[in-house]
């Protein structure tokens, strides 16, 4: 497990780490320790984007927040 910690940026073993992983096993969001309000909001938007993509892939469009739609376009263009 030690060799994985460095690759994931888990440098401090005294705090917790949270990662949002997409269906392709790519890390789309990561955080550690106490989250700021901005980090919580970013996680919520990123989660909405990924859920929206998953629902579209299944052929069942799902309405998520409007802000996630614009973020979806931004993330897709990168």
C-alpha atoms as a PDB file:
ATOM      1  CA  UNK A   1       0.000   0.000   0.000  1.00  0.00           C
ATOM      2  CA  UNK A   2       2.912   2.382   0.628  1.00  0.00           C
ATOM      3  CA  UNK A   3       3.862   2.569  -3.063  1.00  0.00           C
ATOM      4  CA  UNK A   4       0.297   3.537  -3.961  1.00  0.00           C
ATOM      5  CA  UNK A   5       0.149   6.343  -1.389  1.00  0.00           C
ATOM      6  CA  UNK A   6       2.858   8.382  -3.088  1.00  0.00           C
ATOM      7  CA  UNK A   7       1.278   8.002  -6.528  1.00  0.00           C
ATOM      8  CA  UNK A   8      -2.066   9.226  -5.148  1.00  0.00           C
ATOM      9  CA  UNK A   9      -0.516  12.141  -3.289  1.00  0.00           C
ATOM     10  CA  UNK A  10      -1.318  10.694   0.130  1.00  0.00           C
ATOM     11  CA  UNK A  11       1.664  12.194   1.899  1.00  0.00           C
ATOM     12  CA  UNK A  12       0.194  12.569   5.390  1.00  0.00           C
ATOM     13  CA  UNK A  13      -0.911   9.447   7.234  1.00  0.00           C
ATOM     14  CA  UNK A  14      -2.646  11.505   9.942  1.00  0.00           C
ATOM     15  CA  UNK A  15      -5.529  12.785   7.781  1.00  0.00           C
ATOM     16  CA  UNK A  16      -8.228  11.167   5.686  1.00  0.00           C
ATOM     17  CA  UNK A  17      -8.314  11.304   1.903  1.00  0.00           C
ATOM     18  CA  UNK A  18     -11.353  11.249  -0.399  1.00  0.00           C
ATOM     19  CA  UNK A  19     -11.256  10.584  -4.127  1.00  0.00           C
ATOM     20  CA  UNK A  20     -14.047  10.736  -6.697  1.00  0.00           C
ATOM     21  CA  UNK A  21     -13.388   8.100  -9.346  1.00  0.00           C
ATOM     22  CA  UNK A  22     -15.131   7.953 -12.733  1.00  0.00           C
ATOM     23  CA  UNK A  23     -16.268   4.835 -14.604  1.00  0.00           C
ATOM     24  CA  UNK A  24     -12.846   4.617 -16.288  1.00  0.00           C
ATOM     25  CA  UNK A  25     -11.109   4.554 -12.882  1.00  0.00           C
ATOM     26  CA  UNK A  26      -9.698   8.055 -13.335  1.00  0.00           C
ATOM     27  CA  UNK A  27      -9.500  10.347 -10.329  1.00  0.00           C
ATOM     28  CA  UNK A  28     -11.768  13.313 -11.054  1.00  0.00           C
ATOM     29  CA  UNK A  29     -11.640  14.988  -7.655  1.00  0.00           C
ATOM     30  CA  UNK A  30      -9.504  14.554  -4.568  1.00  0.00           C
ATOM     31  CA  UNK A  31      -9.333  16.101  -1.145  1.00  0.00           C
ATOM     32  CA  UNK A  32      -7.908  15.587   2.301  1.00  0.00           C
ATOM     33  CA  UNK A  33      -8.442  16.710   5.887  1.00  0.00           C
ATOM     34  CA  UNK A  34     -11.292  19.158   6.563  1.00  0.00           C
ATOM     35  CA  UNK A  35     -12.980  20.356   3.388  1.00  0.00           C
ATOM     36  CA  UNK A  36     -13.588  24.045   2.788  1.00  0.00           C
ATOM     37  CA  UNK A  37     -17.050  25.117   1.598  1.00  0.00           C
ATOM     38  CA  UNK A  38     -15.581  25.629  -1.880  1.00  0.00           C
ATOM     39  CA  UNK A  39     -14.173  22.094  -1.924  1.00  0.00           C
ATOM     40  CA  UNK A  40     -17.522  20.649  -0.835  1.00  0.00           C
ATOM     41  CA  UNK A  41     -19.266  22.578  -3.623  1.00  0.00           C
ATOM     42  CA  UNK A  42     -16.701  21.387  -6.175  1.00  0.00           C
ATOM     43  CA  UNK A  43     -17.197  17.774  -5.097  1.00  0.00           C
ATOM     44  CA  UNK A  44     -20.965  18.130  -5.421  1.00  0.00           C
ATOM     45  CA  UNK A  45     -20.683  19.602  -8.918  1.00  0.00           C
ATOM     46  CA  UNK A  46     -18.178  16.974 -10.055  1.00  0.00           C
ATOM     47  CA  UNK A  47     -20.369  14.197  -8.662  1.00  0.00           C
ATOM     48  CA  UNK A  48     -23.362  15.634 -10.517  1.00  0.00           C
ATOM     49  CA  UNK A  49     -21.397  15.776 -13.760  1.00  0.00           C
ATOM     50  CA  UNK A  50     -20.297  12.155 -13.453  1.00  0.00           C
ATOM     51  CA  UNK A  51     -23.793  10.957 -12.535  1.00  0.00           C
ATOM     52  CA  UNK A  52     -25.242  12.885 -15.471  1.00  0.00           C
ATOM     53  CA  UNK A  53     -22.725  11.297 -17.851  1.00  0.00           C
ATOM     54  CA  UNK A  54     -23.496   7.853 -16.465  1.00  0.00           C
ATOM     55  CA  UNK A  55     -27.232   8.321 -16.915  1.00  0.00           C
ATOM     56  CA  UNK A  56     -26.727   9.602 -20.483  1.00  0.00           C
ATOM     57  CA  UNK A  57     -24.563   6.578 -21.265  1.00  0.00           C
ATOM     58  CA  UNK A  58     -27.369   4.337 -20.036  1.00  0.00           C
ATOM     59  CA  UNK A  59     -29.805   6.194 -22.280  1.00  0.00           C
ATOM     60  CA  UNK A  60     -31.713   7.766 -19.414  1.00  0.00           C
ATOM     61  CA  UNK A  61     -31.023  11.507 -19.346  1.00  0.00           C
ATOM     62  CA  UNK A  62     -31.218  12.803 -15.813  1.00  0.00           C
ATOM     63  CA  UNK A  63     -31.594  16.411 -14.782  1.00  0.00           C
ATOM     64  CA  UNK A  64     -28.842  17.415 -12.428  1.00  0.00           C
ATOM     65  CA  UNK A  65     -28.086  20.995 -11.402  1.00  0.00           C
ATOM     66  CA  UNK A  66     -27.735  23.550 -14.203  1.00  0.00           C
ATOM     67  CA  UNK A  67     -24.265  24.414 -12.944  1.00  0.00           C
ATOM     68  CA  UNK A  68     -23.146  20.847 -13.592  1.00  0.00           C
ATOM     69  CA  UNK A  69     -24.177  21.131 -17.249  1.00  0.00           C
ATOM     70  CA  UNK A  70     -21.806  24.026 -17.838  1.00  0.00           C
ATOM     71  CA  UNK A  71     -19.090  22.229 -15.880  1.00  0.00           C
ATOM     72  CA  UNK A  72     -19.693  19.134 -17.990  1.00  0.00           C
ATOM     73  CA  UNK A  73     -18.927  21.162 -21.122  1.00  0.00           C
ATOM     74  CA  UNK A  74     -15.810  22.621 -19.523  1.00  0.00           C
ATOM     75  CA  UNK A  75     -14.505  19.236 -18.423  1.00  0.00           C
ATOM     76  CA  UNK A  76     -15.303  17.656 -21.808  1.00  0.00           C
ATOM     77  CA  UNK A  77     -13.357  20.302 -23.682  1.00  0.00           C
ATOM     78  CA  UNK A  78     -10.151  19.662 -21.739  1.00  0.00           C
END
